[in-house]
């Protein structure tokens, strides 16, 4: 970059006004500095343009005569003695100051142009630097935009993947809820069925209790008033079917240990073959084997009402049972027990 001193020397050098002692040093620097060479060339072109732009003035007609007279007078004076040239008169005084005024204006204009060129070059350099910075910023912004676009694209892809995953999870959850709903519905149906079954069992048990109550009432119907006064010594029992007995059969017994007699009422006993019979048994834990209460006569309707007396005297009867025995009865009960009390 050219400093102010070099610019001033270049201005004077272009006008031919640079002192001799600085000319040699300036020309040495000029040969090795391309920018300085361009500056000198520019200043010379500017000076030539200014000279061409000045208006051409025709000299006065008396100028030539005065110059000749001045030359003749100077020759005569030179032959005799040196005489100072005459002072310019008022009519040609302005001619003396014109060159100096033009030179001053030209110098001022050159300095102004040099300053203006220097300022313009600095502005151009600054603008070029600004342009480079803006270009670099634009490249950086473009790179950031590309990164943001890539980030946005990746984020959109991630969001799409996440949405797909959420949709898949929602579908799985819906399927799981449907399965749970179906399982709960099935379980509820099973529970309803079980509840209906339990209700049926309860209803059956209630019906059985009603039948047992009726059977007990029928069993007590044959007891006299005197026997009713001794009810504390009477054992009441309900006979229910065993696992191998008839499902619809039921019975009730009333047993008085004081009188050693009782009454048995049974319904829905299926008929047996001609060589078989039902036999009543009284069970006392104190005795080794049950005591027979006699062979039961079954009517055609499968029901009976009979009074019984044990074969031997018993202090008490905890349980009652009915078994299928050979016709005429047995001494001990067979395994085919069809009714028993608790």
Protein backbone atom coordinates (compact mmCIF):
# COMPACT_ATOMS: atom_id res chain seq x y z
CA UNK A 1 0.00 0.00 0.00
CA UNK A 2 1.36 3.50 -0.98
CA UNK A 3 1.90 5.95 1.91
CA UNK A 4 1.26 9.72 1.80
CA UNK A 5 4.93 10.63 1.23
CA UNK A 6 5.13 8.43 -1.86
CA UNK A 7 1.86 9.89 -3.16
CA UNK A 8 3.22 13.47 -2.78
CA UNK A 9 6.48 12.50 -4.54
CA UNK A 10 4.48 10.83 -7.34
CA UNK A 11 2.43 14.04 -7.83
CA UNK A 12 5.53 16.23 -8.10
CA UNK A 13 7.31 13.64 -10.28
CA UNK A 14 4.38 13.56 -12.73
CA UNK A 15 4.53 17.38 -12.98
CA UNK A 16 8.34 17.41 -13.34
CA UNK A 17 8.66 19.44 -10.12
CA UNK A 18 10.37 16.82 -7.93
CA UNK A 19 13.76 18.03 -6.62
CA UNK A 20 16.78 16.27 -8.16
CA UNK A 21 17.96 14.89 -4.84
CA UNK A 22 14.63 13.00 -4.43
CA UNK A 23 14.19 12.02 -8.07
CA UNK A 24 16.86 9.29 -8.04
CA UNK A 25 15.51 7.69 -4.86
CA UNK A 26 11.92 7.91 -6.16
CA UNK A 27 12.80 6.35 -9.53
CA UNK A 28 14.59 3.48 -7.73
CA UNK A 29 11.45 2.80 -5.73
CA UNK A 30 9.31 3.26 -8.83
CA UNK A 31 11.06 0.42 -10.69
CA UNK A 32 10.19 -2.14 -7.98
CA UNK A 33 6.66 -0.99 -7.09
CA UNK A 34 3.89 -1.79 -9.55
CA UNK A 35 1.25 0.17 -7.66
CA UNK A 36 3.50 3.25 -7.64
CA UNK A 37 4.03 2.90 -11.39
CA UNK A 38 0.27 2.78 -11.94
CA UNK A 39 -0.19 5.84 -9.74
CA UNK A 40 2.40 7.88 -11.71
CA UNK A 41 0.82 6.83 -14.97
CA UNK A 42 -2.58 7.86 -13.70
CA UNK A 43 -1.30 11.26 -12.50
CA UNK A 44 0.40 11.97 -15.84
CA UNK A 45 -2.80 11.10 -17.70
CA UNK A 46 -4.73 13.44 -15.41
CA UNK A 47 -2.24 16.29 -15.97
CA UNK A 48 -2.42 15.84 -19.74
CA UNK A 49 -6.17 15.90 -19.60
CA UNK A 50 -6.15 19.11 -17.58
CA UNK A 51 -3.77 20.83 -20.04
CA UNK A 52 -5.95 19.80 -22.95
CA UNK A 53 -9.00 21.08 -21.12
CA UNK A 54 -7.61 24.60 -20.56
CA UNK A 55 -8.88 27.22 -23.11
CA UNK A 56 -6.37 28.49 -25.71
CA UNK A 57 -5.92 32.32 -25.59
CA UNK A 58 -4.48 34.23 -28.54
CA UNK A 59 -1.61 36.61 -27.52
CA UNK A 60 -2.10 40.40 -28.06
CA UNK A 61 -0.90 41.85 -31.37
CA UNK A 62 1.56 44.18 -29.60
CA UNK A 63 3.19 41.29 -27.72
CA UNK A 64 5.54 40.43 -30.58
CA UNK A 65 6.66 44.09 -30.99
CA UNK A 66 7.34 44.44 -27.29
CA UNK A 67 9.32 41.18 -27.26
CA UNK A 68 11.48 42.44 -30.21
CA UNK A 69 12.00 45.80 -28.58
CA UNK A 70 12.92 44.08 -25.38
CA UNK A 71 15.43 41.94 -27.22
CA UNK A 72 16.95 45.00 -28.98
CA UNK A 73 17.18 46.92 -25.76
CA UNK A 74 18.74 43.95 -24.00
CA UNK A 75 21.37 43.63 -26.69
CA UNK A 76 22.26 47.32 -26.43
CA UNK A 77 22.46 47.16 -22.68
CA UNK A 78 24.54 44.04 -22.84
CA UNK A 79 27.04 45.85 -24.99
CA UNK A 80 27.29 48.84 -22.70
CA UNK A 81 26.38 47.72 -19.15
CA UNK A 82 23.97 45.41 -17.60
CA UNK A 83 20.69 47.06 -16.82
CA UNK A 84 17.79 45.57 -14.92
CA UNK A 85 14.86 44.65 -17.08
CA UNK A 86 12.05 47.07 -16.98
CA UNK A 87 9.29 46.36 -14.53
CA UNK A 88 6.20 45.22 -16.14
CA UNK A 89 3.62 47.80 -16.66
CA UNK A 90 0.04 47.65 -15.47
CA UNK A 91 -1.15 46.45 -18.82
CA UNK A 92 0.85 43.19 -18.71
CA UNK A 93 0.98 42.52 -14.92
CA UNK A 94 -1.68 39.82 -15.13
CA UNK A 95 0.41 37.93 -17.62
CA UNK A 96 3.10 37.53 -14.97
CA UNK A 97 0.76 35.84 -12.44
CA UNK A 98 -1.16 33.56 -14.82
CA UNK A 99 1.44 30.74 -14.96
CA UNK A 100 1.86 30.72 -11.23
CA UNK A 101 -1.89 30.69 -10.64
CA UNK A 102 -2.33 27.87 -13.12
CA UNK A 103 0.49 25.91 -11.54
CA UNK A 104 -1.00 26.40 -8.09
CA UNK A 105 -4.44 25.33 -9.29
CA UNK A 106 -2.95 22.40 -11.10
CA UNK A 107 -0.98 21.34 -8.02
CA UNK A 108 -4.04 21.73 -5.81
CA UNK A 109 -6.09 19.75 -8.27
CA UNK A 110 -3.46 17.01 -8.43
CA UNK A 111 -3.33 16.78 -4.65
CA UNK A 112 -7.13 16.68 -4.55
CA UNK A 113 -7.23 13.98 -7.20
CA UNK A 114 -4.52 12.02 -5.45
CA UNK A 115 -6.41 12.24 -2.17
CA UNK A 116 -9.65 11.32 -3.90
CA UNK A 117 -7.98 8.37 -5.69
CA UNK A 118 -6.39 7.23 -2.46
CA UNK A 119 -9.75 7.46 -0.67
CA UNK A 120 -11.46 5.61 -3.51
CA UNK A 121 -8.81 2.89 -3.45
CA UNK A 122 -9.22 2.53 0.29
CA UNK A 123 -12.98 2.37 -0.13
CA UNK A 124 -12.56 -0.20 -2.90
CA UNK A 125 -10.27 -2.28 -0.69
CA UNK A 126 -12.71 -1.95 2.22
CA UNK A 127 -15.64 -2.83 -0.03
CA UNK A 128 -13.73 -5.83 -1.35
CA UNK A 129 -13.02 -6.93 2.21
CA UNK A 130 -16.67 -6.38 3.11
CA UNK A 131 -17.69 -8.33 0.03
CA UNK A 132 -15.37 -11.17 0.99
CA UNK A 133 -16.76 -11.15 4.52
CA UNK A 134 -20.33 -11.10 3.23
CA UNK A 135 -19.49 -13.90 0.83
CA UNK A 136 -17.98 -15.91 3.69
CA UNK A 137 -21.01 -15.18 5.84
CA UNK A 138 -23.30 -16.20 2.97
CA UNK A 139 -21.38 -19.46 2.61
CA UNK A 140 -21.63 -20.05 6.35
CA UNK A 141 -25.34 -19.24 6.30
CA UNK A 142 -25.83 -21.59 3.36
CA UNK A 143 -23.98 -24.30 5.26
CA UNK A 144 -26.15 -23.64 8.31
CA UNK A 145 -29.26 -23.78 6.10
CA UNK A 146 -28.08 -27.12 4.69
CA UNK A 147 -27.41 -28.41 8.19
CA UNK A 148 -30.84 -27.20 9.34
CA UNK A 149 -32.46 -28.87 6.33
CA UNK A 150 -30.62 -32.09 7.11
CA UNK A 151 -31.58 -31.79 10.77
CA UNK A 152 -35.19 -31.05 9.84
CA UNK A 153 -35.24 -34.01 7.46
CA UNK A 154 -33.75 -36.29 10.11
CA UNK A 155 -36.20 -34.96 12.70
CA UNK A 156 -39.11 -35.53 10.31
CA UNK A 157 -37.87 -39.06 9.71
CA UNK A 158 -37.52 -39.63 13.44
CA UNK A 159 -41.00 -38.24 14.05
CA UNK A 160 -42.41 -40.49 11.35
CA UNK A 161 -40.68 -43.50 12.89
CA UNK A 162 -41.94 -42.47 16.33
CA UNK A 163 -45.48 -42.01 15.03
CA UNK A 164 -45.34 -45.43 13.38
CA UNK A 165 -44.08 -46.94 16.64
CA UNK A 166 -46.84 -45.22 18.61
CA UNK A 167 -49.44 -46.45 16.12
CA UNK A 168 -48.07 -49.97 16.44
CA UNK A 169 -48.14 -49.74 20.23
CA UNK A 170 -51.68 -48.37 20.14
CA UNK A 171 -52.79 -51.25 17.90
CA UNK A 172 -51.10 -53.74 20.22
CA UNK A 173 -52.75 -52.10 23.21
CA UNK A 174 -56.15 -52.18 21.49
CA UNK A 175 -55.67 -55.85 20.67
CA UNK A 176 -54.60 -56.52 24.25
CA UNK A 177 -57.66 -54.66 25.56
CA UNK A 178 -59.86 -56.64 23.16
CA UNK A 179 -58.31 -59.87 24.40
CA UNK A 180 -58.76 -58.80 28.01
CA UNK A 181 -62.33 -57.76 27.27
CA UNK A 182 -63.04 -61.11 25.64
CA UNK A 183 -61.40 -62.91 28.57
CA UNK A 184 -63.38 -60.85 31.08
CA UNK A 185 -66.58 -61.44 29.10
CA UNK A 186 -65.88 -65.17 29.03
CA UNK A 187 -65.04 -65.14 32.72
CA UNK A 188 -68.20 -63.17 33.46
CA UNK A 189 -70.23 -65.64 31.44
CA UNK A 190 -68.61 -68.50 33.33
CA UNK A 191 -69.28 -66.73 36.61
CA UNK A 192 -72.88 -66.14 35.56
CA UNK A 193 -73.19 -69.78 34.63
CA UNK A 194 -71.62 -70.81 37.92
CA UNK A 195 -73.89 -68.40 39.77
CA UNK A 196 -76.89 -69.89 38.00
CA UNK A 197 -75.61 -73.35 38.87
CA UNK A 198 -75.08 -72.35 42.48
CA UNK A 199 -78.50 -70.77 42.50
CA UNK A 200 -79.90 -74.00 41.16
CA UNK A 201 -78.06 -75.90 43.86
CA UNK A 202 -79.34 -73.51 46.48
CA UNK A 203 -82.83 -73.84 45.06
CA UNK A 204 -82.46 -77.61 45.08
CA UNK A 205 -81.13 -77.49 48.62
CA UNK A 206 -84.07 -75.29 49.62
CA UNK A 207 -86.44 -77.74 47.96
CA UNK A 208 -84.70 -80.58 49.75
CA UNK A 209 -85.00 -78.73 53.03
CA UNK A 210 -88.67 -78.24 52.38
CA UNK A 211 -89.03 -81.95 51.61
CA UNK A 212 -87.01 -82.83 54.69
CA UNK A 213 -89.21 -80.56 56.76
CA UNK A 214 -92.26 -82.19 55.30
CA UNK A 215 -90.79 -85.64 55.89
CA UNK A 216 -90.03 -84.75 59.50
CA UNK A 217 -93.51 -83.40 59.95
CA UNK A 218 -94.92 -86.62 58.51
CA UNK A 219 -92.61 -88.64 60.75
CA UNK A 220 -93.78 -86.68 63.77
CA UNK A 221 -97.39 -87.02 62.73
CA UNK A 222 -97.47 -90.59 64.00
CA UNK A 223 -96.11 -89.72 67.41
CA UNK A 224 -98.71 -89.44 70.17
CA UNK A 225 -99.15 -86.43 72.38
CA UNK A 226 -97.58 -88.28 75.23
CA UNK A 227 -94.54 -88.97 73.12
CA UNK A 228 -94.31 -85.32 72.15
CA UNK A 229 -93.96 -84.45 75.82
CA UNK A 230 -90.78 -86.51 75.84
CA UNK A 231 -89.33 -84.90 72.73
CA UNK A 232 -86.01 -84.29 74.44
CA UNK A 233 -85.26 -88.03 74.28
CA UNK A 234 -86.12 -88.22 70.57
CA UNK A 235 -83.44 -88.29 67.79
CA UNK A 236 -84.48 -86.66 64.52
CA UNK A 237 -82.50 -87.36 61.35
CA UNK A 238 -82.76 -86.76 57.60
CA UNK A 239 -81.59 -89.49 55.23
CA UNK A 240 -80.01 -88.37 51.97
CA UNK A 241 -78.79 -90.37 48.97
CA UNK A 242 -75.20 -91.54 48.89
CA UNK A 243 -72.98 -91.37 45.82
CA UNK A 244 -74.38 -94.72 44.60
CA UNK A 245 -77.94 -94.10 45.81
CA UNK A 246 -80.97 -92.81 43.87
CA UNK A 247 -80.64 -89.05 43.35
CA UNK A 248 -84.29 -88.16 43.99
CA UNK A 249 -84.76 -90.28 47.13
CA UNK A 250 -85.07 -88.67 50.59
CA UNK A 251 -86.10 -89.84 54.03
CA UNK A 252 -86.59 -88.83 57.67
CA UNK A 253 -86.53 -90.83 60.90
CA UNK A 254 -87.73 -90.22 64.46
CA UNK A 255 -86.13 -92.41 67.12
CA UNK A 256 -86.89 -92.53 70.86
CA UNK A 257 -84.20 -94.22 72.89
CA UNK A 258 -86.53 -94.24 75.89
CA UNK A 259 -89.20 -96.28 74.10
CA UNK A 260 -86.72 -98.12 71.84
CA UNK A 261 -88.87 -97.46 68.81
CA UNK A 262 -89.09 -95.00 65.96
CA UNK A 263 -90.75 -94.07 62.68
CA UNK A 264 -89.21 -93.87 59.19
CA UNK A 265 -90.63 -92.02 56.14
CA UNK A 266 -88.98 -92.36 52.67
CA UNK A 267 -89.89 -91.10 49.19
CA UNK A 268 -88.75 -91.95 45.65
CA UNK A 269 -87.09 -95.25 46.37
CA UNK A 270 -86.77 -97.17 43.10
CA UNK A 271 -88.25 -100.66 43.09
CA UNK A 272 -85.92 -103.64 43.54
CA UNK A 273 -85.86 -107.11 42.05
CA UNK A 274 -87.75 -110.00 43.64
CA UNK A 275 -84.63 -111.25 45.43
CA UNK A 276 -83.65 -107.87 46.96
CA UNK A 277 -85.00 -105.63 49.72
CA UNK A 278 -84.20 -102.37 51.53
CA UNK A 279 -83.05 -102.74 55.17
CA UNK A 280 -82.79 -100.04 57.89
CA UNK A 281 -79.74 -99.79 60.12
CA UNK A 282 -79.19 -97.89 63.38
CA UNK A 283 -75.59 -96.89 64.04
CA UNK A 284 -74.25 -96.33 67.56
CA UNK A 285 -70.51 -95.46 67.86
CA UNK A 286 -70.41 -97.49 71.07
CA UNK A 287 -71.34 -100.67 69.23
CA UNK A 288 -68.99 -102.54 66.93
CA UNK A 289 -71.55 -103.13 64.16
CA UNK A 290 -74.78 -101.39 63.09
CA UNK A 291 -78.06 -102.75 64.52
CA UNK A 292 -80.82 -103.79 62.08
CA UNK A 293 -84.08 -101.86 62.20
CA UNK A 294 -85.83 -104.38 59.98
CA UNK A 295 -86.52 -104.96 56.30
CA UNK A 296 -88.49 -102.13 54.69
CA UNK A 297 -91.57 -102.89 52.58
CA UNK A 298 -91.58 -100.68 49.47
CA UNK A 299 -94.88 -99.80 47.82
CA UNK A 300 -95.47 -99.32 44.12
CA UNK A 301 -94.94 -95.52 44.32
CA UNK A 302 -91.45 -95.92 45.79
CA UNK A 303 -92.41 -94.42 49.16
CA UNK A 304 -93.08 -95.84 52.61
CA UNK A 305 -93.97 -94.92 56.16
CA UNK A 306 -93.09 -97.54 58.77
CA UNK A 307 -92.44 -97.83 62.46
CA UNK A 308 -89.33 -99.77 63.50
CA UNK A 309 -87.78 -101.34 66.58
CA UNK A 310 -84.09 -102.39 66.79
CA UNK A 311 -83.24 -106.04 67.26
CA UNK A 312 -81.40 -105.24 70.50
CA UNK A 313 -81.76 -102.48 73.05
CA UNK A 314 -79.72 -99.39 72.28
CA UNK A 315 -78.83 -96.45 74.47
CA UNK A 316 -78.82 -94.13 71.51
CA UNK A 317 -78.65 -93.97 67.71
CA UNK A 318 -76.34 -91.38 66.16
CA UNK A 319 -76.95 -92.24 62.52
CA UNK A 320 -79.40 -94.15 60.30
CA UNK A 321 -78.76 -95.91 57.00
CA UNK A 322 -80.66 -97.86 54.35
CA UNK A 323 -78.91 -100.56 52.32
CA UNK A 324 -79.84 -103.04 49.61
CA UNK A 325 -79.76 -106.55 51.01
CA UNK A 326 -80.92 -110.00 49.90
CA UNK A 327 -84.61 -110.65 50.35
CA UNK A 328 -85.28 -111.36 54.04
CA UNK A 329 -82.42 -109.13 55.27
CA UNK A 330 -78.86 -109.57 56.56
CA UNK A 331 -77.08 -109.61 59.93
CA UNK A 332 -74.62 -106.90 58.81
CA UNK A 333 -75.07 -104.18 56.20
CA UNK A 334 -73.69 -104.71 52.73
CA UNK A 335 -71.54 -102.06 50.99
CA UNK A 336 -74.53 -100.98 48.87
CA UNK A 337 -75.68 -98.12 51.16
CA UNK A 338 -78.23 -95.93 49.30
CA UNK A 339 -79.42 -93.53 52.06
CA UNK A 340 -77.66 -92.25 55.16
CA UNK A 341 -78.04 -89.51 57.75
CA UNK A 342 -75.37 -87.11 58.96
